[in-house]
Amino acid sequence: MTTTRKQLEVLTDDQTPHKWCVLLREDVFKKFMSQGSPAVHKVFGGGSLFSPFLFGKFFDPSDAFPLWEFDADILLAGLRSSGQSSTVDWFQTDQDYVLKADLPGDGKNNVQVYAENGKVVEISGQWKQQGGESKSTKDWRSGNWWEHGYVRKLELPQDADWRRIEASVTNDLLLEIKIHKISPLDCDISHLTMKDKEAA
């Protein structure tokens, strides 16, 4: 089997009004899952990056979560001890913060990655297309977004360089995000560049 790897553009200027303004409550989510199709369970099931129960307690994925403040083995211990497999892993190296996660769906992913205000990285996509008139008048992210798509917002650590985020998808299923750390050398260079601009 051949492996295909596709680089994703990390977007920084998202002007969508009222995006994620409808919060996902636990009771609403449980009702949605109880009536959900196999596709819904694949997107939001226990081990998915986009599941509100990924970290053991209910947490709305449209709220930013400080992922890299926690060790993956500790945060996912409950999930793993209950026999559920997780399709998510994250870690850091000396140079980068890394996230790897399986994407939901049938291999035709339209995942998008945004860097918001230098503080949050957002991963979102649609698992079901909108139908009817609402398609042209309203963005799916502005209403009950879980009925059409998925999201996970993650707080960036303080030393993460939001201008240097790389995202790729392998075989349309495995998402990898690499966020470079700001090194002291980077700070010195950007400080010098600013001084050069001021002097010009």
N, C-alpha and C. Protein backbone atom coordinates (compact mmCIF):
# COMPACT_ATOMS: atom_id res chain seq x y z
N MET A 1 0.83 -1.19 0.00
CA MET A 1 0.00 0.00 0.00
C MET A 1 0.87 1.24 0.00
N THR A 2 0.57 2.18 -0.87
CA THR A 2 1.36 3.40 -0.92
C THR A 2 0.86 4.40 0.11
N THR A 3 1.79 5.16 0.64
CA THR A 3 1.45 6.17 1.63
C THR A 3 1.41 7.53 0.95
N THR A 4 0.32 8.25 1.16
CA THR A 4 0.24 9.61 0.61
C THR A 4 0.19 10.58 1.77
N ARG A 5 1.03 11.58 1.67
CA ARG A 5 1.09 12.59 2.73
C ARG A 5 0.80 13.95 2.11
N LYS A 6 -0.16 14.65 2.69
CA LYS A 6 -0.58 15.94 2.15
C LYS A 6 -0.34 17.03 3.19
N GLN A 7 0.40 18.06 2.79
CA GLN A 7 0.61 19.21 3.67
C GLN A 7 -0.67 20.05 3.70
N LEU A 8 -1.04 20.52 4.88
CA LEU A 8 -2.20 21.38 5.02
C LEU A 8 -1.74 22.81 5.24
N GLU A 9 -2.49 23.74 4.68
CA GLU A 9 -2.20 25.14 4.94
C GLU A 9 -2.77 25.49 6.31
N VAL A 10 -1.95 26.09 7.16
CA VAL A 10 -2.43 26.52 8.47
C VAL A 10 -2.94 27.95 8.31
N LEU A 11 -4.23 28.13 8.49
CA LEU A 11 -4.87 29.42 8.26
C LEU A 11 -4.78 30.29 9.50
N THR A 12 -4.66 31.60 9.30
CA THR A 12 -4.54 32.49 10.45
C THR A 12 -5.59 33.58 10.48
N ASP A 13 -6.32 33.77 9.41
CA ASP A 13 -7.25 34.89 9.37
C ASP A 13 -8.66 34.37 9.10
N ASP A 14 -9.33 33.94 10.15
CA ASP A 14 -10.68 33.39 9.99
C ASP A 14 -11.69 34.43 10.47
N GLN A 15 -12.45 34.97 9.56
CA GLN A 15 -13.41 36.03 9.88
C GLN A 15 -14.84 35.51 10.04
N THR A 16 -15.00 34.20 10.21
CA THR A 16 -16.35 33.64 10.33
C THR A 16 -17.06 34.22 11.55
N PRO A 17 -18.22 34.88 11.35
CA PRO A 17 -18.91 35.45 12.51
C PRO A 17 -19.58 34.36 13.35
N HIS A 18 -19.59 34.56 14.65
CA HIS A 18 -20.29 33.67 15.60
C HIS A 18 -19.80 32.23 15.55
N LYS A 19 -18.57 32.02 15.17
CA LYS A 19 -18.03 30.66 15.11
C LYS A 19 -17.96 30.07 16.52
N TRP A 20 -18.46 28.86 16.67
CA TRP A 20 -18.46 28.11 17.95
C TRP A 20 -19.21 28.85 19.05
N CYS A 21 -20.18 29.70 18.70
CA CYS A 21 -20.90 30.45 19.74
C CYS A 21 -21.91 29.57 20.46
N VAL A 22 -22.32 28.45 19.86
CA VAL A 22 -23.24 27.53 20.52
C VAL A 22 -22.40 26.49 21.26
N LEU A 23 -22.49 26.54 22.59
CA LEU A 23 -21.70 25.60 23.39
C LEU A 23 -22.37 24.24 23.42
N LEU A 24 -21.56 23.21 23.43
CA LEU A 24 -22.06 21.84 23.50
C LEU A 24 -22.17 21.44 24.97
N ARG A 25 -23.39 21.22 25.43
CA ARG A 25 -23.61 20.81 26.82
C ARG A 25 -23.63 19.29 26.91
N GLU A 26 -23.32 18.78 28.11
CA GLU A 26 -23.23 17.34 28.29
C GLU A 26 -24.55 16.64 28.00
N ASP A 27 -25.68 17.19 28.49
CA ASP A 27 -26.98 16.54 28.27
C ASP A 27 -27.33 16.52 26.78
N VAL A 28 -27.02 17.60 26.08
CA VAL A 28 -27.28 17.68 24.64
C VAL A 28 -26.43 16.64 23.89
N PHE A 29 -25.18 16.52 24.30
CA PHE A 29 -24.28 15.58 23.64
C PHE A 29 -24.73 14.13 23.85
N LYS A 30 -25.13 13.81 25.09
CA LYS A 30 -25.56 12.44 25.38
C LYS A 30 -26.81 12.08 24.57
N LYS A 31 -27.73 13.01 24.45
CA LYS A 31 -28.94 12.77 23.65
C LYS A 31 -28.58 12.59 22.18
N PHE A 32 -27.68 13.45 21.70
CA PHE A 32 -27.22 13.39 20.31
C PHE A 32 -26.57 12.03 20.02
N MET A 33 -25.74 11.54 20.94
CA MET A 33 -25.06 10.26 20.76
C MET A 33 -26.05 9.10 20.82
N SER A 34 -27.05 9.20 21.70
CA SER A 34 -28.02 8.09 21.83
C SER A 34 -28.85 7.92 20.56
N GLN A 35 -29.02 8.99 19.80
CA GLN A 35 -29.79 8.92 18.56
C GLN A 35 -28.88 8.86 17.34
N GLY A 36 -27.58 8.79 17.59
CA GLY A 36 -26.61 8.93 16.51
C GLY A 36 -26.39 7.68 15.68
N SER A 37 -25.96 7.91 14.48
CA SER A 37 -25.64 6.85 13.53
C SER A 37 -24.22 6.33 13.81
N PRO A 38 -23.81 5.24 13.15
CA PRO A 38 -22.42 4.78 13.29
C PRO A 38 -21.40 5.88 12.93
N ALA A 39 -21.75 6.75 11.97
CA ALA A 39 -20.83 7.84 11.60
C ALA A 39 -20.62 8.80 12.77
N VAL A 40 -21.69 9.09 13.50
CA VAL A 40 -21.60 9.97 14.68
C VAL A 40 -20.68 9.35 15.72
N HIS A 41 -20.84 8.05 15.94
CA HIS A 41 -20.02 7.37 16.96
C HIS A 41 -18.56 7.29 16.54
N LYS A 42 -18.31 7.23 15.25
CA LYS A 42 -16.92 7.22 14.76
C LYS A 42 -16.26 8.59 14.99
N VAL A 43 -17.03 9.66 14.79
CA VAL A 43 -16.50 11.01 14.96
C VAL A 43 -16.29 11.34 16.43
N PHE A 44 -17.28 11.04 17.28
CA PHE A 44 -17.28 11.52 18.66
C PHE A 44 -17.09 10.42 19.70
N GLY A 45 -16.78 9.19 19.27
CA GLY A 45 -16.60 8.09 20.20
C GLY A 45 -15.44 8.32 21.16
N GLY A 46 -15.40 7.52 22.24
CA GLY A 46 -14.47 7.71 23.35
C GLY A 46 -13.02 8.03 23.04
N GLY A 47 -12.40 7.33 22.10
CA GLY A 47 -10.97 7.55 21.86
C GLY A 47 -10.64 8.61 20.84
N SER A 48 -11.66 9.26 20.28
CA SER A 48 -11.43 10.26 19.23
C SER A 48 -10.94 11.59 19.81
N LEU A 49 -10.10 12.27 19.06
CA LEU A 49 -9.63 13.60 19.45
C LEU A 49 -10.80 14.55 19.65
N PHE A 50 -11.90 14.30 18.95
CA PHE A 50 -13.03 15.22 18.95
C PHE A 50 -14.12 14.83 19.94
N SER A 51 -13.89 13.79 20.73
CA SER A 51 -14.85 13.37 21.75
C SER A 51 -14.79 14.29 22.96
N PRO A 52 -15.94 14.79 23.43
CA PRO A 52 -15.94 15.60 24.65
C PRO A 52 -15.48 14.83 25.88
N PHE A 53 -15.52 13.48 25.81
CA PHE A 53 -15.11 12.65 26.95
C PHE A 53 -13.69 12.11 26.82
N LEU A 54 -12.92 12.62 25.87
CA LEU A 54 -11.57 12.11 25.63
C LEU A 54 -10.70 12.10 26.90
N PHE A 55 -10.85 13.13 27.73
CA PHE A 55 -9.96 13.27 28.88
C PHE A 55 -10.60 12.78 30.19
N GLY A 56 -11.65 11.94 30.07
CA GLY A 56 -12.25 11.35 31.26
C GLY A 56 -13.48 12.08 31.76
N LYS A 57 -13.49 13.39 31.68
CA LYS A 57 -14.65 14.18 32.07
C LYS A 57 -15.15 14.92 30.84
N PHE A 58 -16.40 15.35 30.90
CA PHE A 58 -16.97 16.08 29.76
C PHE A 58 -16.27 17.43 29.62
N PHE A 59 -15.81 17.72 28.41
CA PHE A 59 -15.17 19.01 28.12
C PHE A 59 -15.52 19.39 26.68
N ASP A 60 -16.23 20.50 26.53
CA ASP A 60 -16.66 20.96 25.20
C ASP A 60 -15.43 21.16 24.31
N PRO A 61 -15.32 20.41 23.19
CA PRO A 61 -14.13 20.54 22.35
C PRO A 61 -13.99 21.90 21.67
N SER A 62 -15.05 22.74 21.71
CA SER A 62 -14.92 24.07 21.11
C SER A 62 -14.33 25.07 22.11
N ASP A 63 -14.07 24.62 23.35
CA ASP A 63 -13.33 25.41 24.33
C ASP A 63 -11.86 25.02 24.24
N ALA A 64 -10.97 25.96 24.36
CA ALA A 64 -9.54 25.65 24.26
C ALA A 64 -9.06 24.86 25.48
N PHE A 65 -8.35 23.77 25.22
CA PHE A 65 -7.84 22.88 26.26
C PHE A 65 -6.31 22.94 26.28
N PRO A 66 -5.70 23.06 27.47
CA PRO A 66 -4.22 23.16 27.54
C PRO A 66 -3.55 21.79 27.44
N LEU A 67 -3.63 21.17 26.28
CA LEU A 67 -3.22 19.79 26.07
C LEU A 67 -1.78 19.49 26.52
N TRP A 68 -0.85 20.36 26.13
CA TRP A 68 0.57 20.05 26.37
C TRP A 68 0.99 20.28 27.82
N GLU A 69 0.05 20.70 28.68
CA GLU A 69 0.35 20.78 30.11
C GLU A 69 0.21 19.41 30.77
N PHE A 70 -0.32 18.44 30.02
CA PHE A 70 -0.58 17.12 30.57
C PHE A 70 0.20 16.05 29.81
N ASP A 71 0.56 15.01 30.51
CA ASP A 71 1.21 13.86 29.90
C ASP A 71 0.13 12.97 29.29
N ALA A 72 0.32 12.53 28.06
CA ALA A 72 -0.69 11.72 27.37
C ALA A 72 -1.00 10.44 28.14
N ASP A 73 0.04 9.78 28.69
CA ASP A 73 -0.18 8.51 29.39
C ASP A 73 -1.07 8.71 30.62
N ILE A 74 -0.90 9.84 31.30
CA ILE A 74 -1.69 10.11 32.50
C ILE A 74 -3.12 10.51 32.12
N LEU A 75 -3.25 11.44 31.17
CA LEU A 75 -4.57 11.95 30.81
C LEU A 75 -5.44 10.89 30.13
N LEU A 76 -4.82 9.98 29.41
CA LEU A 76 -5.58 8.95 28.70
C LEU A 76 -5.61 7.61 29.46
N ALA A 77 -5.08 7.60 30.70
CA ALA A 77 -5.00 6.36 31.47
C ALA A 77 -6.37 5.73 31.70
N GLY A 78 -7.37 6.55 32.04
CA GLY A 78 -8.71 6.04 32.29
C GLY A 78 -9.29 5.39 31.06
N LEU A 79 -9.08 6.02 29.93
CA LEU A 79 -9.58 5.51 28.65
C LEU A 79 -8.92 4.17 28.33
N ARG A 80 -7.61 4.13 28.50
CA ARG A 80 -6.86 2.91 28.16
C ARG A 80 -7.17 1.77 29.14
N SER A 81 -7.35 2.09 30.43
CA SER A 81 -7.63 1.04 31.41
C SER A 81 -9.02 0.45 31.23
N SER A 82 -9.93 1.22 30.60
CA SER A 82 -11.27 0.68 30.35
C SER A 82 -11.32 -0.14 29.06
N GLY A 83 -10.15 -0.31 28.44
CA GLY A 83 -10.07 -1.16 27.25
C GLY A 83 -10.36 -0.43 25.94
N GLN A 84 -10.65 0.88 26.03
CA GLN A 84 -10.90 1.63 24.81
C GLN A 84 -9.57 2.04 24.19
N SER A 85 -9.49 1.95 22.89
CA SER A 85 -8.26 2.39 22.25
C SER A 85 -8.39 3.87 21.93
N SER A 86 -7.28 4.55 22.03
CA SER A 86 -7.27 5.97 21.71
C SER A 86 -6.54 6.16 20.39
N THR A 87 -7.04 7.09 19.62
CA THR A 87 -6.41 7.36 18.32
C THR A 87 -5.66 8.69 18.38
N VAL A 88 -5.26 9.06 19.60
CA VAL A 88 -4.63 10.36 19.83
C VAL A 88 -3.33 10.18 20.62
N ASP A 89 -2.33 10.96 20.27
CA ASP A 89 -1.11 11.00 21.07
C ASP A 89 -0.51 12.39 20.93
N TRP A 90 0.13 12.86 21.97
CA TRP A 90 0.83 14.13 21.90
C TRP A 90 2.06 14.06 22.80
N PHE A 91 3.06 14.83 22.44
CA PHE A 91 4.31 14.85 23.18
C PHE A 91 5.08 16.10 22.77
N GLN A 92 6.23 16.30 23.42
CA GLN A 92 7.09 17.40 23.00
C GLN A 92 8.53 16.92 22.92
N THR A 93 9.26 17.54 22.00
CA THR A 93 10.69 17.30 21.87
C THR A 93 11.38 18.60 22.29
N ASP A 94 12.68 18.66 22.14
CA ASP A 94 13.39 19.90 22.46
C ASP A 94 13.00 21.03 21.52
N GLN A 95 12.58 20.68 20.30
CA GLN A 95 12.28 21.70 19.29
C GLN A 95 10.79 21.92 19.03
N ASP A 96 9.93 20.92 19.31
CA ASP A 96 8.54 20.99 18.86
C ASP A 96 7.55 20.44 19.87
N TYR A 97 6.30 20.90 19.70
CA TYR A 97 5.14 20.24 20.30
C TYR A 97 4.48 19.46 19.18
N VAL A 98 4.11 18.21 19.45
CA VAL A 98 3.59 17.34 18.39
C VAL A 98 2.25 16.74 18.83
N LEU A 99 1.31 16.71 17.89
CA LEU A 99 0.02 16.05 18.10
C LEU A 99 -0.22 15.11 16.92
N LYS A 100 -0.62 13.87 17.23
CA LYS A 100 -0.99 12.91 16.18
C LYS A 100 -2.37 12.38 16.53
N ALA A 101 -3.25 12.34 15.54
CA ALA A 101 -4.60 11.86 15.79
C ALA A 101 -5.22 11.32 14.52
N ASP A 102 -6.00 10.24 14.67
CA ASP A 102 -6.78 9.74 13.55
C ASP A 102 -7.93 10.69 13.29
N LEU A 103 -8.21 10.93 12.03
CA LEU A 103 -9.36 11.76 11.65
C LEU A 103 -10.57 10.88 11.44
N PRO A 104 -11.74 11.39 11.80
CA PRO A 104 -12.95 10.61 11.56
C PRO A 104 -13.33 10.64 10.10
N GLY A 105 -14.20 9.74 9.72
CA GLY A 105 -14.69 9.80 8.35
C GLY A 105 -14.21 8.64 7.51
N ASP A 106 -14.45 8.76 6.22
CA ASP A 106 -14.22 7.65 5.29
C ASP A 106 -12.98 7.86 4.43
N GLY A 107 -12.06 8.69 4.89
CA GLY A 107 -10.85 8.90 4.11
C GLY A 107 -10.95 10.05 3.13
N LYS A 108 -12.05 10.79 3.18
CA LYS A 108 -12.16 12.00 2.34
C LYS A 108 -12.25 13.19 3.28
N ASN A 109 -11.16 13.51 3.92
CA ASN A 109 -11.21 14.52 4.96
C ASN A 109 -11.01 15.93 4.42
N ASN A 110 -11.79 16.83 5.01
CA ASN A 110 -11.68 18.24 4.65
C ASN A 110 -11.25 19.03 5.88
N VAL A 111 -10.35 18.44 6.64
CA VAL A 111 -9.92 19.06 7.89
C VAL A 111 -9.20 20.38 7.62
N GLN A 112 -9.44 21.34 8.53
CA GLN A 112 -8.76 22.63 8.45
C GLN A 112 -8.08 22.91 9.78
N VAL A 113 -6.94 23.56 9.70
CA VAL A 113 -6.19 23.92 10.90
C VAL A 113 -6.02 25.43 10.92
N TYR A 114 -6.39 26.04 12.04
CA TYR A 114 -6.26 27.48 12.21
C TYR A 114 -5.36 27.78 13.40
N ALA A 115 -4.60 28.86 13.29
CA ALA A 115 -3.88 29.40 14.43
C ALA A 115 -4.60 30.70 14.80
N GLU A 116 -5.16 30.75 16.00
CA GLU A 116 -5.97 31.89 16.41
C GLU A 116 -5.23 32.79 17.38
N ASN A 117 -5.05 34.03 17.02
CA ASN A 117 -4.50 35.06 17.92
C ASN A 117 -3.18 34.67 18.58
N GLY A 118 -2.48 33.73 17.99
CA GLY A 118 -1.21 33.31 18.57
C GLY A 118 -1.37 32.52 19.86
N LYS A 119 -2.61 32.16 20.23
CA LYS A 119 -2.83 31.50 21.52
C LYS A 119 -3.49 30.13 21.40
N VAL A 120 -4.17 29.87 20.29
CA VAL A 120 -4.96 28.64 20.16
C VAL A 120 -4.74 28.04 18.78
N VAL A 121 -4.65 26.70 18.73
CA VAL A 121 -4.69 26.01 17.44
C VAL A 121 -6.03 25.27 17.40
N GLU A 122 -6.70 25.41 16.26
CA GLU A 122 -8.04 24.85 16.11
C GLU A 122 -8.05 23.86 14.95
N ILE A 123 -8.59 22.67 15.21
CA ILE A 123 -8.70 21.63 14.18
C ILE A 123 -10.19 21.38 13.98
N SER A 124 -10.66 21.52 12.75
CA SER A 124 -12.09 21.32 12.51
C SER A 124 -12.32 20.76 11.12
N GLY A 125 -13.50 20.19 10.94
CA GLY A 125 -13.88 19.65 9.64
C GLY A 125 -15.33 19.21 9.67
N GLN A 126 -15.86 18.89 8.52
CA GLN A 126 -17.25 18.45 8.43
C GLN A 126 -17.32 16.95 8.23
N TRP A 127 -18.22 16.31 8.97
CA TRP A 127 -18.48 14.89 8.75
C TRP A 127 -19.78 14.69 7.98
N LYS A 128 -20.60 15.73 7.89
CA LYS A 128 -21.86 15.65 7.17
C LYS A 128 -22.11 17.00 6.50
N GLN A 129 -22.42 17.00 5.24
CA GLN A 129 -22.68 18.24 4.52
C GLN A 129 -24.03 18.81 4.92
N GLN A 130 -24.09 20.15 4.99
CA GLN A 130 -25.36 20.81 5.25
C GLN A 130 -26.25 20.70 4.03
N GLY A 131 -27.52 20.58 4.27
CA GLY A 131 -28.45 20.52 3.15
C GLY A 131 -29.40 21.70 3.17
N GLY A 132 -30.12 21.87 2.09
CA GLY A 132 -31.16 22.89 2.05
C GLY A 132 -30.65 24.30 2.01
N GLU A 133 -31.52 25.22 2.44
CA GLU A 133 -31.21 26.65 2.35
C GLU A 133 -30.12 27.08 3.30
N SER A 134 -30.01 26.39 4.46
CA SER A 134 -29.05 26.83 5.47
C SER A 134 -27.62 26.81 4.94
N LYS A 135 -27.35 25.99 3.93
CA LYS A 135 -26.00 25.87 3.39
C LYS A 135 -25.47 27.21 2.90
N SER A 136 -26.32 27.98 2.21
CA SER A 136 -25.84 29.22 1.62
C SER A 136 -25.92 30.40 2.60
N THR A 137 -26.77 30.29 3.62
CA THR A 137 -26.97 31.45 4.48
C THR A 137 -26.17 31.41 5.77
N LYS A 138 -25.75 30.24 6.22
CA LYS A 138 -25.12 30.16 7.52
C LYS A 138 -23.98 29.15 7.52
N ASP A 139 -22.87 29.53 8.09
CA ASP A 139 -21.74 28.62 8.22
C ASP A 139 -22.10 27.55 9.27
N TRP A 140 -21.74 26.31 9.00
CA TRP A 140 -22.09 25.21 9.91
C TRP A 140 -21.52 25.39 11.30
N ARG A 141 -20.43 26.16 11.42
CA ARG A 141 -19.78 26.36 12.73
C ARG A 141 -20.51 27.36 13.61
N SER A 142 -21.51 28.06 13.05
CA SER A 142 -22.20 29.10 13.79
C SER A 142 -23.43 28.61 14.54
N GLY A 143 -23.85 27.38 14.32
CA GLY A 143 -25.03 26.84 15.00
C GLY A 143 -24.67 25.62 15.82
N ASN A 144 -25.53 24.60 15.75
CA ASN A 144 -25.25 23.32 16.42
C ASN A 144 -24.21 22.57 15.59
N TRP A 145 -22.97 22.98 15.72
CA TRP A 145 -21.88 22.53 14.85
C TRP A 145 -21.70 21.01 14.86
N TRP A 146 -21.96 20.35 16.00
CA TRP A 146 -21.75 18.90 16.11
C TRP A 146 -22.67 18.10 15.18
N GLU A 147 -23.75 18.74 14.72
CA GLU A 147 -24.65 18.04 13.79
C GLU A 147 -24.05 17.94 12.39
N HIS A 148 -23.00 18.72 12.13
CA HIS A 148 -22.39 18.73 10.79
C HIS A 148 -20.88 18.50 10.80
N GLY A 149 -20.23 18.82 11.91
CA GLY A 149 -18.77 18.75 11.91
C GLY A 149 -18.19 18.49 13.28
N TYR A 150 -16.91 18.68 13.37
CA TYR A 150 -16.18 18.42 14.60
C TYR A 150 -15.12 19.50 14.79
N VAL A 151 -14.70 19.68 16.03
CA VAL A 151 -13.67 20.67 16.34
C VAL A 151 -12.91 20.22 17.58
N ARG A 152 -11.67 20.63 17.66
CA ARG A 152 -10.89 20.54 18.89
C ARG A 152 -10.00 21.76 18.92
N LYS A 153 -10.17 22.57 19.97
CA LYS A 153 -9.33 23.76 20.14
C LYS A 153 -8.34 23.49 21.27
N LEU A 154 -7.08 23.82 21.02
CA LEU A 154 -6.02 23.56 21.98
C LEU A 154 -5.24 24.83 22.28
N GLU A 155 -5.03 25.07 23.57
CA GLU A 155 -4.21 26.22 23.96
C GLU A 155 -2.77 25.96 23.58
N LEU A 156 -2.13 26.98 23.03
CA LEU A 156 -0.71 26.85 22.71
C LEU A 156 0.12 27.17 23.95
N PRO A 157 1.15 26.38 24.20
CA PRO A 157 2.05 26.72 25.31
C PRO A 157 2.73 28.06 25.05
N GLN A 158 3.22 28.69 26.12
CA GLN A 158 3.79 30.03 26.00
C GLN A 158 4.98 30.09 25.05
N ASP A 159 5.76 29.01 25.01
CA ASP A 159 6.96 29.04 24.16
C ASP A 159 6.70 28.44 22.77
N ALA A 160 5.41 28.29 22.40
CA ALA A 160 5.08 27.78 21.06
C ALA A 160 5.06 28.94 20.08
N ASP A 161 5.62 28.73 18.90
CA ASP A 161 5.66 29.76 17.87
C ASP A 161 4.48 29.54 16.92
N TRP A 162 3.41 30.27 17.11
CA TRP A 162 2.19 30.07 16.32
C TRP A 162 2.39 30.39 14.84
N ARG A 163 3.48 31.10 14.51
CA ARG A 163 3.75 31.39 13.09
C ARG A 163 4.46 30.22 12.40
N ARG A 164 4.88 29.23 13.20
CA ARG A 164 5.60 28.09 12.63
C ARG A 164 4.91 26.79 13.01
N ILE A 165 3.70 26.63 12.48
CA ILE A 165 2.93 25.40 12.70
C ILE A 165 2.88 24.64 11.38
N GLU A 166 3.20 23.37 11.43
CA GLU A 166 3.12 22.52 10.25
C GLU A 166 2.03 21.49 10.50
N ALA A 167 1.20 21.26 9.48
CA ALA A 167 0.14 20.26 9.60
C ALA A 167 0.14 19.40 8.35
N SER A 168 -0.05 18.10 8.54
CA SER A 168 -0.12 17.20 7.39
C SER A 168 -1.09 16.07 7.70
N VAL A 169 -1.60 15.45 6.64
CA VAL A 169 -2.49 14.30 6.76
C VAL A 169 -1.89 13.16 5.93
N THR A 170 -1.74 12.00 6.56
CA THR A 170 -1.22 10.81 5.87
C THR A 170 -2.39 9.88 5.54
N ASN A 171 -2.46 9.49 4.28
CA ASN A 171 -3.52 8.59 3.79
C ASN A 171 -4.93 9.08 4.12
N ASP A 172 -5.09 10.40 4.21
CA ASP A 172 -6.38 11.02 4.51
C ASP A 172 -6.95 10.62 5.87
N LEU A 173 -6.13 10.01 6.71
CA LEU A 173 -6.65 9.53 8.00
C LEU A 173 -5.86 10.00 9.21
N LEU A 174 -4.54 10.12 9.08
CA LEU A 174 -3.72 10.47 10.25
C LEU A 174 -3.26 11.92 10.15
N LEU A 175 -3.71 12.71 11.11
CA LEU A 175 -3.33 14.12 11.19
C LEU A 175 -2.09 14.25 12.08
N GLU A 176 -1.13 15.02 11.62
CA GLU A 176 0.03 15.34 12.46
C GLU A 176 0.23 16.85 12.46
N ILE A 177 0.32 17.41 13.66
CA ILE A 177 0.57 18.84 13.80
C ILE A 177 1.86 19.01 14.58
N LYS A 178 2.73 19.84 14.04
CA LYS A 178 4.02 20.11 14.68
C LYS A 178 4.11 21.62 14.90
N ILE A 179 4.28 22.02 16.14
CA ILE A 179 4.37 23.44 16.48
C ILE A 179 5.77 23.69 17.02
N HIS A 180 6.52 24.51 16.32
CA HIS A 180 7.90 24.78 16.73
C HIS A 180 7.93 25.58 18.02
N LYS A 181 8.94 25.27 18.83
CA LYS A 181 9.14 26.05 20.05
C LYS A 181 9.99 27.27 19.73
N ILE A 182 9.73 28.33 20.46
CA ILE A 182 10.55 29.54 20.31
C ILE A 182 11.84 29.30 21.10
N SER A 183 12.95 29.37 20.41
CA SER A 183 14.23 29.20 21.12
C SER A 183 14.75 30.58 21.50
N PRO A 184 15.64 30.66 22.49
CA PRO A 184 16.21 31.95 22.86
C PRO A 184 16.85 32.66 21.66
N LEU A 185 17.41 31.86 20.73
CA LEU A 185 18.02 32.42 19.52
C LEU A 185 16.96 33.12 18.66
N ASP A 186 15.76 32.49 18.53
CA ASP A 186 14.66 33.11 17.78
C ASP A 186 14.29 34.46 18.38
N CYS A 187 14.24 34.52 19.71
CA CYS A 187 13.89 35.78 20.39
C CYS A 187 14.91 36.86 20.06
N ASP A 188 16.20 36.48 20.08
CA ASP A 188 17.25 37.45 19.78
C ASP A 188 17.13 37.95 18.35
N ILE A 189 16.84 37.04 17.41
CA ILE A 189 16.74 37.42 15.99
C ILE A 189 15.54 38.34 15.78
N SER A 190 14.37 37.98 16.36
CA SER A 190 13.19 38.82 16.17
C SER A 190 13.38 40.17 16.83
N HIS A 191 14.10 40.23 17.95
CA HIS A 191 14.37 41.49 18.62
C HIS A 191 15.25 42.37 17.74
N LEU A 192 16.28 41.75 17.13
CA LEU A 192 17.17 42.49 16.23
C LEU A 192 16.39 42.99 15.00
N THR A 193 15.52 42.12 14.47
CA THR A 193 14.74 42.52 13.28
C THR A 193 13.86 43.72 13.59
N MET A 194 13.26 43.71 14.77
CA MET A 194 12.40 44.86 15.15
C MET A 194 13.23 46.13 15.28
N LYS A 195 14.44 45.99 15.87
CA LYS A 195 15.32 47.16 16.01
C LYS A 195 15.73 47.70 14.64
N ASP A 196 16.00 46.75 13.69
CA ASP A 196 16.38 47.16 12.35
C ASP A 196 15.25 47.94 11.69
N LYS A 197 14.00 47.45 11.89
CA LYS A 197 12.84 48.13 11.28
C LYS A 197 12.67 49.52 11.86
N GLU A 198 12.88 49.63 13.20
CA GLU A 198 12.71 50.93 13.84
C GLU A 198 13.77 51.92 13.35
N ALA A 199 14.98 51.39 13.11
CA ALA A 199 16.08 52.26 12.68
C ALA A 199 15.90 52.72 11.24
N ALA A 200 15.18 51.91 10.45
CA ALA A 200 15.02 52.23 9.01
C ALA A 200 14.13 53.43 8.76
